[in-house]
Amino acid sequence: MKNLILAAAFLLPSAVLAAQAVEVDARALTCNQIVQTIRQHKAVFVRTGFGGRSFRYPPSRCSLGDRRVTVSLQDINRKRCTLDYACVGDPNSIYNMSTHP
């Protein structure tokens, strides 16, 4: 049961971000189209296979408890895109601290 709760806690933020954001498939767009979509919609969940990453534009708009990182992914032409405004959970943030020992 504890493992189920932990799994839900890790998956829930991704599901919440995906529900709020426009979802695109990185393998269906070029790098320029991905960047343009992120700028246009301000919040995008980019699928990169089984999982994905949440992107916010402008970069300073990450949620509390998140931090900005650089992400490299492949586009439709198998070209490597390096995007510098991915928002990921920051384990060192006070917003992600556990309340129990």
PDB file of N, CA and C in Angstrom:
ATOM      1  N   MET A   1       0.826  -1.187   0.000  1.00  0.00           N
ATOM      2  CA  MET A   1       0.000   0.000   0.000  1.00  0.00           C
ATOM      3  C   MET A   1       0.875   1.259   0.000  1.00  0.00           C
ATOM      4  N   LYS A   2       1.956   1.203   0.789  1.00  0.00           N
ATOM      5  CA  LYS A   2       2.854   2.351   0.854  1.00  0.00           C
ATOM      6  C   LYS A   2       3.478   2.626  -0.514  1.00  0.00           C
ATOM      7  N   ASN A   3       3.849   1.556  -1.235  1.00  0.00           N
ATOM      8  CA  ASN A   3       4.428   1.725  -2.572  1.00  0.00           C
ATOM      9  C   ASN A   3       3.416   2.333  -3.537  1.00  0.00           C
ATOM     10  N   LEU A   4       2.151   1.952  -3.401  1.00  0.00           N
ATOM     11  CA  LEU A   4       1.110   2.507  -4.253  1.00  0.00           C
ATOM     12  C   LEU A   4       0.944   3.993  -4.002  1.00  0.00           C
ATOM     13  N   ILE A   5       0.991   4.396  -2.749  1.00  0.00           N
ATOM     14  CA  ILE A   5       0.876   5.814  -2.398  1.00  0.00           C
ATOM     15  C   ILE A   5       2.069   6.589  -2.927  1.00  0.00           C
ATOM     16  N   LEU A   6       3.267   6.033  -2.798  1.00  0.00           N
ATOM     17  CA  LEU A   6       4.460   6.699  -3.319  1.00  0.00           C
ATOM     18  C   LEU A   6       4.401   6.830  -4.836  1.00  0.00           C
ATOM     19  N   ALA A   7       3.947   5.779  -5.518  1.00  0.00           N
ATOM     20  CA  ALA A   7       3.834   5.827  -6.973  1.00  0.00           C
ATOM     21  C   ALA A   7       2.840   6.899  -7.396  1.00  0.00           C
ATOM     22  N   ALA A   8       1.726   6.983  -6.694  1.00  0.00           N
ATOM     23  CA  ALA A   8       0.721   8.003  -7.007  1.00  0.00           C
ATOM     24  C   ALA A   8       1.274   9.401  -6.765  1.00  0.00           C
ATOM     25  N   ALA A   9       2.067   9.566  -5.714  1.00  0.00           N
ATOM     26  CA  ALA A   9       2.639  10.874  -5.402  1.00  0.00           C
ATOM     27  C   ALA A   9       3.614  11.332  -6.488  1.00  0.00           C
ATOM     28  N   PHE A  10       4.348  10.391  -7.067  1.00  0.00           N
ATOM     29  CA  PHE A  10       5.293  10.755  -8.121  1.00  0.00           C
ATOM     30  C   PHE A  10       4.598  10.974  -9.460  1.00  0.00           C
ATOM     31  N   LEU A  11       3.539  10.232  -9.730  1.00  0.00           N
ATOM     32  CA  LEU A  11       2.853  10.343 -11.004  1.00  0.00           C
ATOM     33  C   LEU A  11       1.845  11.481 -11.030  1.00  0.00           C
ATOM     34  N   LEU A  12       1.305  11.843  -9.890  1.00  0.00           N
ATOM     35  CA  LEU A  12       0.275  12.870  -9.833  1.00  0.00           C
ATOM     36  C   LEU A  12       0.733  14.211 -10.391  1.00  0.00           C
ATOM     37  N   PRO A  13       1.919  14.734 -10.028  1.00  0.00           N
ATOM     38  CA  PRO A  13       2.328  16.022 -10.605  1.00  0.00           C
ATOM     39  C   PRO A  13       2.426  15.988 -12.130  1.00  0.00           C
ATOM     40  N   SER A  14       2.902  14.886 -12.702  1.00  0.00           N
ATOM     41  CA  SER A  14       2.989  14.782 -14.154  1.00  0.00           C
ATOM     42  C   SER A  14       1.600  14.792 -14.777  1.00  0.00           C
ATOM     43  N   ALA A  15       0.663  14.088 -14.160  1.00  0.00           N
ATOM     44  CA  ALA A  15      -0.700  14.042 -14.683  1.00  0.00           C
ATOM     45  C   ALA A  15      -1.371  15.403 -14.565  1.00  0.00           C
ATOM     46  N   VAL A  16      -1.125  16.103 -13.469  1.00  0.00           N
ATOM     47  CA  VAL A  16      -1.713  17.424 -13.285  1.00  0.00           C
ATOM     48  C   VAL A  16      -1.164  18.396 -14.315  1.00  0.00           C
ATOM     49  N   LEU A  17       0.141  18.382 -14.528  1.00  0.00           N
ATOM     50  CA  LEU A  17       0.739  19.264 -15.524  1.00  0.00           C
ATOM     51  C   LEU A  17       0.245  18.927 -16.919  1.00  0.00           C
ATOM     52  N   ALA A  18       0.085  17.639 -17.201  1.00  0.00           N
ATOM     53  CA  ALA A  18      -0.395  17.238 -18.517  1.00  0.00           C
ATOM     54  C   ALA A  18      -1.839  17.679 -18.720  1.00  0.00           C
ATOM     55  N   ALA A  19      -2.654  17.681 -17.658  1.00  0.00           N
ATOM     56  CA  ALA A  19      -4.043  18.092 -17.777  1.00  0.00           C
ATOM     57  C   ALA A  19      -4.154  19.587 -18.054  1.00  0.00           C
ATOM     58  N   GLN A  20      -3.277  20.396 -17.493  1.00  0.00           N
ATOM     59  CA  GLN A  20      -3.307  21.843 -17.674  1.00  0.00           C
ATOM     60  C   GLN A  20      -2.670  22.261 -18.996  1.00  0.00           C
ATOM     61  N   ALA A  21      -1.743  21.505 -19.470  1.00  0.00           N
ATOM     62  CA  ALA A  21      -0.918  21.911 -20.599  1.00  0.00           C
ATOM     63  C   ALA A  21      -1.388  21.266 -21.896  1.00  0.00           C
ATOM     64  N   VAL A  22      -1.016  21.888 -23.002  1.00  0.00           N
ATOM     65  CA  VAL A  22      -1.237  21.312 -24.320  1.00  0.00           C
ATOM     66  C   VAL A  22      -0.247  20.164 -24.471  1.00  0.00           C
ATOM     67  N   GLU A  23      -0.702  19.031 -24.968  1.00  0.00           N
ATOM     68  CA  GLU A  23       0.173  17.871 -25.117  1.00  0.00           C
ATOM     69  C   GLU A  23       0.576  17.715 -26.576  1.00  0.00           C
ATOM     70  N   VAL A  24       1.883  17.574 -26.817  1.00  0.00           N
ATOM     71  CA  VAL A  24       2.395  17.350 -28.166  1.00  0.00           C
ATOM     72  C   VAL A  24       3.356  16.164 -28.151  1.00  0.00           C
ATOM     73  N   ASP A  25       3.505  15.541 -29.303  1.00  0.00           N
ATOM     74  CA  ASP A  25       4.419  14.411 -29.453  1.00  0.00           C
ATOM     75  C   ASP A  25       5.690  14.913 -30.128  1.00  0.00           C
ATOM     76  N   ALA A  26       6.813  14.788 -29.446  1.00  0.00           N
ATOM     77  CA  ALA A  26       8.083  15.282 -29.987  1.00  0.00           C
ATOM     78  C   ALA A  26       8.447  14.576 -31.288  1.00  0.00           C
ATOM     79  N   ARG A  27       8.002  13.344 -31.453  1.00  0.00           N
ATOM     80  CA  ARG A  27       8.345  12.580 -32.658  1.00  0.00           C
ATOM     81  C   ARG A  27       7.472  12.955 -33.857  1.00  0.00           C
ATOM     82  N   ALA A  28       6.509  13.877 -33.657  1.00  0.00           N
ATOM     83  CA  ALA A  28       5.631  14.288 -34.748  1.00  0.00           C
ATOM     84  C   ALA A  28       5.907  15.714 -35.220  1.00  0.00           C
ATOM     85  N   LEU A  29       6.822  16.408 -34.547  1.00  0.00           N
ATOM     86  CA  LEU A  29       7.114  17.804 -34.878  1.00  0.00           C
ATOM     87  C   LEU A  29       8.608  18.030 -35.032  1.00  0.00           C
ATOM     88  N   THR A  30       8.969  19.111 -35.722  1.00  0.00           N
ATOM     89  CA  THR A  30      10.377  19.505 -35.812  1.00  0.00           C
ATOM     90  C   THR A  30      10.737  20.311 -34.569  1.00  0.00           C
ATOM     91  N   CYS A  31      12.016  20.534 -34.361  1.00  0.00           N
ATOM     92  CA  CYS A  31      12.471  21.322 -33.211  1.00  0.00           C
ATOM     93  C   CYS A  31      11.844  22.708 -33.212  1.00  0.00           C
ATOM     94  N   ASN A  32      11.829  23.358 -34.369  1.00  0.00           N
ATOM     95  CA  ASN A  32      11.255  24.699 -34.463  1.00  0.00           C
ATOM     96  C   ASN A  32       9.764  24.698 -34.131  1.00  0.00           C
ATOM     97  N   GLN A  33       9.032  23.678 -34.560  1.00  0.00           N
ATOM     98  CA  GLN A  33       7.611  23.592 -34.261  1.00  0.00           C
ATOM     99  C   GLN A  33       7.366  23.368 -32.769  1.00  0.00           C
ATOM    100  N   ILE A  34       8.223  22.576 -32.127  1.00  0.00           N
ATOM    101  CA  ILE A  34       8.097  22.353 -30.688  1.00  0.00           C
ATOM    102  C   ILE A  34       8.306  23.665 -29.940  1.00  0.00           C
ATOM    103  N   VAL A  35       9.363  24.387 -30.291  1.00  0.00           N
ATOM    104  CA  VAL A  35       9.650  25.672 -29.633  1.00  0.00           C
ATOM    105  C   VAL A  35       8.507  26.652 -29.865  1.00  0.00           C
ATOM    106  N   GLN A  36       8.003  26.713 -31.088  1.00  0.00           N
ATOM    107  CA  GLN A  36       6.904  27.623 -31.410  1.00  0.00           C
ATOM    108  C   GLN A  36       5.645  27.261 -30.611  1.00  0.00           C
ATOM    109  N   THR A  37       5.364  25.982 -30.456  1.00  0.00           N
ATOM    110  CA  THR A  37       4.196  25.535 -29.691  1.00  0.00           C
ATOM    111  C   THR A  37       4.326  25.919 -28.223  1.00  0.00           C
ATOM    112  N   ILE A  38       5.513  25.757 -27.664  1.00  0.00           N
ATOM    113  CA  ILE A  38       5.740  26.118 -26.266  1.00  0.00           C
ATOM    114  C   ILE A  38       5.544  27.621 -26.074  1.00  0.00           C
ATOM    115  N   ARG A  39       6.065  28.412 -26.963  1.00  0.00           N
ATOM    116  CA  ARG A  39       5.914  29.874 -26.852  1.00  0.00           C
ATOM    117  C   ARG A  39       4.470  30.311 -27.041  1.00  0.00           C
ATOM    118  N   GLN A  40       3.760  29.632 -27.921  1.00  0.00           N
ATOM    119  CA  GLN A  40       2.385  30.010 -28.220  1.00  0.00           C
ATOM    120  C   GLN A  40       1.431  29.641 -27.081  1.00  0.00           C
ATOM    121  N   HIS A  41       1.591  28.454 -26.521  1.00  0.00           N
ATOM    122  CA  HIS A  41       0.642  27.962 -25.516  1.00  0.00           C
ATOM    123  C   HIS A  41       1.090  28.194 -24.079  1.00  0.00           C
ATOM    124  N   LYS A  42       2.337  28.594 -23.859  1.00  0.00           N
ATOM    125  CA  LYS A  42       2.908  28.928 -22.545  1.00  0.00           C
ATOM    126  C   LYS A  42       3.088  27.731 -21.620  1.00  0.00           C
ATOM    127  N   ALA A  43       2.304  26.680 -21.768  1.00  0.00           N
ATOM    128  CA  ALA A  43       2.451  25.471 -20.956  1.00  0.00           C
ATOM    129  C   ALA A  43       2.205  24.268 -21.857  1.00  0.00           C
ATOM    130  N   VAL A  44       3.236  23.438 -22.025  1.00  0.00           N
ATOM    131  CA  VAL A  44       3.155  22.312 -22.952  1.00  0.00           C
ATOM    132  C   VAL A  44       3.753  21.075 -22.298  1.00  0.00           C
ATOM    133  N   PHE A  45       3.091  19.931 -22.477  1.00  0.00           N
ATOM    134  CA  PHE A  45       3.632  18.646 -22.049  1.00  0.00           C
ATOM    135  C   PHE A  45       4.093  17.943 -23.316  1.00  0.00           C
ATOM    136  N   VAL A  46       5.408  17.742 -23.442  1.00  0.00           N
ATOM    137  CA  VAL A  46       5.990  17.142 -24.641  1.00  0.00           C
ATOM    138  C   VAL A  46       6.243  15.664 -24.381  1.00  0.00           C
ATOM    139  N   ARG A  47       5.545  14.817 -25.123  1.00  0.00           N
ATOM    140  CA  ARG A  47       5.743  13.368 -25.034  1.00  0.00           C
ATOM    141  C   ARG A  47       7.047  13.016 -25.732  1.00  0.00           C
ATOM    142  N   THR A  48       7.865  12.212 -25.055  1.00  0.00           N
ATOM    143  CA  THR A  48       9.148  11.789 -25.628  1.00  0.00           C
ATOM    144  C   THR A  48       9.290  10.287 -25.524  1.00  0.00           C
ATOM    145  N   GLY A  49       8.244   9.572 -25.893  1.00  0.00           N
ATOM    146  CA  GLY A  49       8.235   8.125 -25.749  1.00  0.00           C
ATOM    147  C   GLY A  49       7.245   7.745 -24.671  1.00  0.00           C
ATOM    148  N   PHE A  50       7.670   6.944 -23.716  1.00  0.00           N
ATOM    149  CA  PHE A  50       6.785   6.481 -22.651  1.00  0.00           C
ATOM    150  C   PHE A  50       6.364   7.626 -21.740  1.00  0.00           C
ATOM    151  N   GLY A  51       7.291   8.508 -21.452  1.00  0.00           N
ATOM    152  CA  GLY A  51       7.006   9.632 -20.557  1.00  0.00           C
ATOM    153  C   GLY A  51       7.008  10.939 -21.311  1.00  0.00           C
ATOM    154  N   GLY A  52       7.461  11.961 -20.640  1.00  0.00           N
ATOM    155  CA  GLY A  52       7.526  13.260 -21.269  1.00  0.00           C
ATOM    156  C   GLY A  52       8.026  14.308 -20.293  1.00  0.00           C
ATOM    157  N   ARG A  53       8.037  15.540 -20.738  1.00  0.00           N
ATOM    158  CA  ARG A  53       8.498  16.657 -19.914  1.00  0.00           C
ATOM    159  C   ARG A  53       7.515  17.804 -20.042  1.00  0.00           C
ATOM    160  N   SER A  54       7.399  18.563 -18.977  1.00  0.00           N
ATOM    161  CA  SER A  54       6.574  19.765 -18.990  1.00  0.00           C
ATOM    162  C   SER A  54       7.464  20.959 -19.263  1.00  0.00           C
ATOM    163  N   PHE A  55       6.994  21.840 -20.127  1.00  0.00           N
ATOM    164  CA  PHE A  55       7.731  23.040 -20.470  1.00  0.00           C
ATOM    165  C   PHE A  55       6.849  24.255 -20.214  1.00  0.00           C
ATOM    166  N   ARG A  56       7.462  25.287 -19.711  1.00  0.00           N
ATOM    167  CA  ARG A  56       6.765  26.551 -19.459  1.00  0.00           C
ATOM    168  C   ARG A  56       7.521  27.664 -20.181  1.00  0.00           C
ATOM    169  N   TYR A  57       6.776  28.616 -20.687  1.00  0.00           N
ATOM    170  CA  TYR A  57       7.403  29.771 -21.323  1.00  0.00           C
ATOM    171  C   TYR A  57       6.723  31.011 -20.797  1.00  0.00           C
ATOM    172  N   PRO A  58       7.407  32.034 -20.364  1.00  0.00           N
ATOM    173  CA  PRO A  58       8.862  32.141 -20.288  1.00  0.00           C
ATOM    174  C   PRO A  58       9.434  31.244 -19.192  1.00  0.00           C
ATOM    175  N   PRO A  59      10.739  31.017 -19.232  1.00  0.00           N
ATOM    176  CA  PRO A  59      11.374  30.069 -18.309  1.00  0.00           C
ATOM    177  C   PRO A  59      11.126  30.343 -16.831  1.00  0.00           C
ATOM    178  N   SER A  60      10.931  31.562 -16.458  1.00  0.00           N
ATOM    179  CA  SER A  60      10.760  31.876 -15.041  1.00  0.00           C
ATOM    180  C   SER A  60       9.389  31.475 -14.513  1.00  0.00           C
ATOM    181  N   ARG A  61       8.532  30.879 -15.340  1.00  0.00           N
ATOM    182  CA  ARG A  61       7.176  30.563 -14.943  1.00  0.00           C
ATOM    183  C   ARG A  61       6.998  29.151 -14.402  1.00  0.00           C
ATOM    184  N   CYS A  62       8.043  28.491 -13.966  1.00  0.00           N
ATOM    185  CA  CYS A  62       7.903  27.163 -13.378  1.00  0.00           C
ATOM    186  C   CYS A  62       7.090  27.269 -12.084  1.00  0.00           C
ATOM    187  N   SER A  63       6.396  26.201 -11.747  1.00  0.00           N
ATOM    188  CA  SER A  63       5.566  26.175 -10.542  1.00  0.00           C
ATOM    189  C   SER A  63       6.427  26.097  -9.290  1.00  0.00           C
ATOM    190  N   LEU A  64       5.809  26.382  -8.140  1.00  0.00           N
ATOM    191  CA  LEU A  64       6.514  26.225  -6.866  1.00  0.00           C
ATOM    192  C   LEU A  64       6.937  24.776  -6.706  1.00  0.00           C
ATOM    193  N   GLY A  65       8.135  24.560  -6.263  1.00  0.00           N
ATOM    194  CA  GLY A  65       8.646  23.208  -6.095  1.00  0.00           C
ATOM    195  C   GLY A  65       9.302  22.647  -7.338  1.00  0.00           C
ATOM    196  N   ASP A  66       9.301  23.409  -8.428  1.00  0.00           N
ATOM    197  CA  ASP A  66       9.948  22.987  -9.666  1.00  0.00           C
ATOM    198  C   ASP A  66      11.204  23.801  -9.898  1.00  0.00           C
ATOM    199  N   ARG A  67      12.057  23.299 -10.756  1.00  0.00           N
ATOM    200  CA  ARG A  67      13.240  24.042 -11.149  1.00  0.00           C
ATOM    201  C   ARG A  67      13.410  23.907 -12.656  1.00  0.00           C
ATOM    202  N   ARG A  68      14.152  24.819 -13.222  1.00  0.00           N
ATOM    203  CA  ARG A  68      14.389  24.833 -14.656  1.00  0.00           C
ATOM    204  C   ARG A  68      15.612  24.000 -15.000  1.00  0.00           C
ATOM    205  N   VAL A  69      15.524  23.221 -16.063  1.00  0.00           N
ATOM    206  CA  VAL A  69      16.652  22.409 -16.520  1.00  0.00           C
ATOM    207  C   VAL A  69      16.720  22.449 -18.049  1.00  0.00           C
ATOM    208  N   THR A  70      17.829  21.982 -18.577  1.00  0.00           N
ATOM    209  CA  THR A  70      17.989  21.824 -20.016  1.00  0.00           C
ATOM    210  C   THR A  70      17.648  20.380 -20.378  1.00  0.00           C
ATOM    211  N   VAL A  71      16.860  20.211 -21.429  1.00  0.00           N
ATOM    212  CA  VAL A  71      16.435  18.885 -21.866  1.00  0.00           C
ATOM    213  C   VAL A  71      16.806  18.708 -23.328  1.00  0.00           C
ATOM    214  N   SER A  72      17.319  17.536 -23.648  1.00  0.00           N
ATOM    215  CA  SER A  72      17.639  17.195 -25.022  1.00  0.00           C
ATOM    216  C   SER A  72      16.684  16.097 -25.473  1.00  0.00           C
ATOM    217  N   LEU A  73      16.065  16.281 -26.639  1.00  0.00           N
ATOM    218  CA  LEU A  73      15.133  15.285 -27.160  1.00  0.00           C
ATOM    219  C   LEU A  73      15.252  15.212 -28.667  1.00  0.00           C
ATOM    220  N   GLN A  74      14.657  14.166 -29.260  1.00  0.00           N
ATOM    221  CA  GLN A  74      14.708  13.984 -30.713  1.00  0.00           C
ATOM    222  C   GLN A  74      13.390  14.419 -31.333  1.00  0.00           C
ATOM    223  N   ASP A  75      13.473  15.087 -32.493  1.00  0.00           N
ATOM    224  CA  ASP A  75      12.270  15.505 -33.191  1.00  0.00           C
ATOM    225  C   ASP A  75      11.897  14.494 -34.274  1.00  0.00           C
ATOM    226  N   ILE A  76      10.984  14.868 -35.147  1.00  0.00           N
ATOM    227  CA  ILE A  76      10.504  13.975 -36.197  1.00  0.00           C
ATOM    228  C   ILE A  76      11.618  13.562 -37.160  1.00  0.00           C
ATOM    229  N   ASN A  77      12.596  14.432 -37.360  1.00  0.00           N
ATOM    230  CA  ASN A  77      13.717  14.142 -38.257  1.00  0.00           C
ATOM    231  C   ASN A  77      14.896  13.485 -37.547  1.00  0.00           C
ATOM    232  N   ARG A  78      14.678  13.060 -36.307  1.00  0.00           N
ATOM    233  CA  ARG A  78      15.709  12.467 -35.442  1.00  0.00           C
ATOM    234  C   ARG A  78      16.844  13.441 -35.140  1.00  0.00           C
ATOM    235  N   LYS A  79      16.561  14.713 -35.262  1.00  0.00           N
ATOM    236  CA  LYS A  79      17.513  15.766 -34.917  1.00  0.00           C
ATOM    237  C   LYS A  79      17.407  16.027 -33.421  1.00  0.00           C
ATOM    238  N   ARG A  80      18.551  16.274 -32.767  1.00  0.00           N
ATOM    239  CA  ARG A  80      18.573  16.562 -31.333  1.00  0.00           C
ATOM    240  C   ARG A  80      18.187  18.009 -31.091  1.00  0.00           C
ATOM    241  N   CYS A  81      17.178  18.217 -30.265  1.00  0.00           N
ATOM    242  CA  CYS A  81      16.765  19.555 -29.850  1.00  0.00           C
ATOM    243  C   CYS A  81      17.211  19.743 -28.409  1.00  0.00           C
ATOM    244  N   THR A  82      17.794  20.862 -28.117  1.00  0.00           N
ATOM    245  CA  THR A  82      18.142  21.192 -26.746  1.00  0.00           C
ATOM    246  C   THR A  82      17.264  22.357 -26.319  1.00  0.00           C
ATOM    247  N   LEU A  83      16.380  22.089 -25.382  1.00  0.00           N
ATOM    248  CA  LEU A  83      15.452  23.098 -24.893  1.00  0.00           C
ATOM    249  C   LEU A  83      15.836  23.449 -23.465  1.00  0.00           C
ATOM    250  N   ASP A  84      15.883  24.716 -23.166  1.00  0.00           N
ATOM    251  CA  ASP A  84      16.397  25.131 -21.861  1.00  0.00           C
ATOM    252  C   ASP A  84      15.329  25.605 -20.888  1.00  0.00           C
ATOM    253  N   TYR A  85      14.086  25.255 -21.119  1.00  0.00           N
ATOM    254  CA  TYR A  85      13.078  25.711 -20.180  1.00  0.00           C
ATOM    255  C   TYR A  85      12.105  24.621 -19.751  1.00  0.00           C
ATOM    256  N   ALA A  86      12.646  23.475 -19.431  1.00  0.00           N
ATOM    257  CA  ALA A  86      11.823  22.407 -18.870  1.00  0.00           C
ATOM    258  C   ALA A  86      11.667  22.630 -17.377  1.00  0.00           C
ATOM    259  N   CYS A  87      10.493  22.320 -16.851  1.00  0.00           N
ATOM    260  CA  CYS A  87      10.235  22.420 -15.414  1.00  0.00           C
ATOM    261  C   CYS A  87      10.152  21.009 -14.849  1.00  0.00           C
ATOM    262  N   VAL A  88      10.987  20.722 -13.883  1.00  0.00           N
ATOM    263  CA  VAL A  88      10.965  19.410 -13.241  1.00  0.00           C
ATOM    264  C   VAL A  88      10.896  19.601 -11.734  1.00  0.00           C
ATOM    265  N   GLY A  89      10.406  18.582 -11.043  1.00  0.00           N
ATOM    266  CA  GLY A  89      10.332  18.648  -9.584  1.00  0.00           C
ATOM    267  C   GLY A  89      11.714  18.780  -8.972  1.00  0.00           C
ATOM    268  N   ASP A  90      11.840  19.693  -8.033  1.00  0.00           N
ATOM    269  CA  ASP A  90      13.111  19.934  -7.360  1.00  0.00           C
ATOM    270  C   ASP A  90      13.067  19.276  -5.988  1.00  0.00           C
ATOM    271  N   PRO A  91      13.813  18.188  -5.786  1.00  0.00           N
ATOM    272  CA  PRO A  91      13.773  17.502  -4.490  1.00  0.00           C
ATOM    273  C   PRO A  91      14.323  18.347  -3.346  1.00  0.00           C
ATOM    274  N   ASN A  92      15.086  19.383  -3.643  1.00  0.00           N
ATOM    275  CA  ASN A  92      15.648  20.241  -2.601  1.00  0.00           C
ATOM    276  C   ASN A  92      14.752  21.419  -2.234  1.00  0.00           C
ATOM    277  N   SER A  93      13.625  21.557  -2.916  1.00  0.00           N
ATOM    278  CA  SER A  93      12.727  22.665  -2.641  1.00  0.00           C
ATOM    279  C   SER A  93      11.959  22.431  -1.343  1.00  0.00           C
ATOM    280  N   ILE A  94      11.705  23.491  -0.601  1.00  0.00           N
ATOM    281  CA  ILE A  94      10.930  23.361   0.641  1.00  0.00           C
ATOM    282  C   ILE A  94       9.483  22.968   0.339  1.00  0.00           C
ATOM    283  N   TYR A  95       9.021  23.185  -0.876  1.00  0.00           N
ATOM    284  CA  TYR A  95       7.654  22.824  -1.256  1.00  0.00           C
ATOM    285  C   TYR A  95       7.501  21.326  -1.500  1.00  0.00           C
ATOM    286  N   ASN A  96       8.602  20.605  -1.631  1.00  0.00           N
ATOM    287  CA  ASN A  96       8.562  19.161  -1.872  1.00  0.00           C
ATOM    288  C   ASN A  96       9.049  18.361  -0.667  1.00  0.00           C
ATOM    289  N   MET A  97       9.189  18.988   0.468  1.00  0.00           N
ATOM    290  CA  MET A  97       9.661  18.282   1.668  1.00  0.00           C
ATOM    291  C   MET A  97       8.539  17.446   2.271  1.00  0.00           C
ATOM    292  N   SER A  98       8.881  16.314   2.750  1.00  0.00           N
ATOM    293  CA  SER A  98       7.924  15.431   3.421  1.00  0.00           C
ATOM    294  C   SER A  98       7.651  15.973   4.822  1.00  0.00           C
ATOM    295  N   THR A  99       6.413  15.826   5.269  1.00  0.00           N
ATOM    296  CA  THR A  99       6.042  16.319   6.598  1.00  0.00           C
ATOM    297  C   THR A  99       6.235  15.279   7.677  1.00  0.00           C
ATOM    298  N   HIS A 100       6.575  14.051   7.297  1.00  0.00           N
ATOM    299  CA  HIS A 100       6.801  13.007   8.303  1.00  0.00           C
ATOM    300  C   HIS A 100       8.224  12.488   8.203  1.00  0.00           C
ATOM    301  N   PRO A 101       8.754  11.953   9.324  1.00  0.00           N
ATOM    302  CA  PRO A 101      10.148  11.478   9.311  1.00  0.00           C
ATOM    303  C   PRO A 101      10.377  10.249   8.478  1.00  0.00           C
TER     304      PRO A 101
END
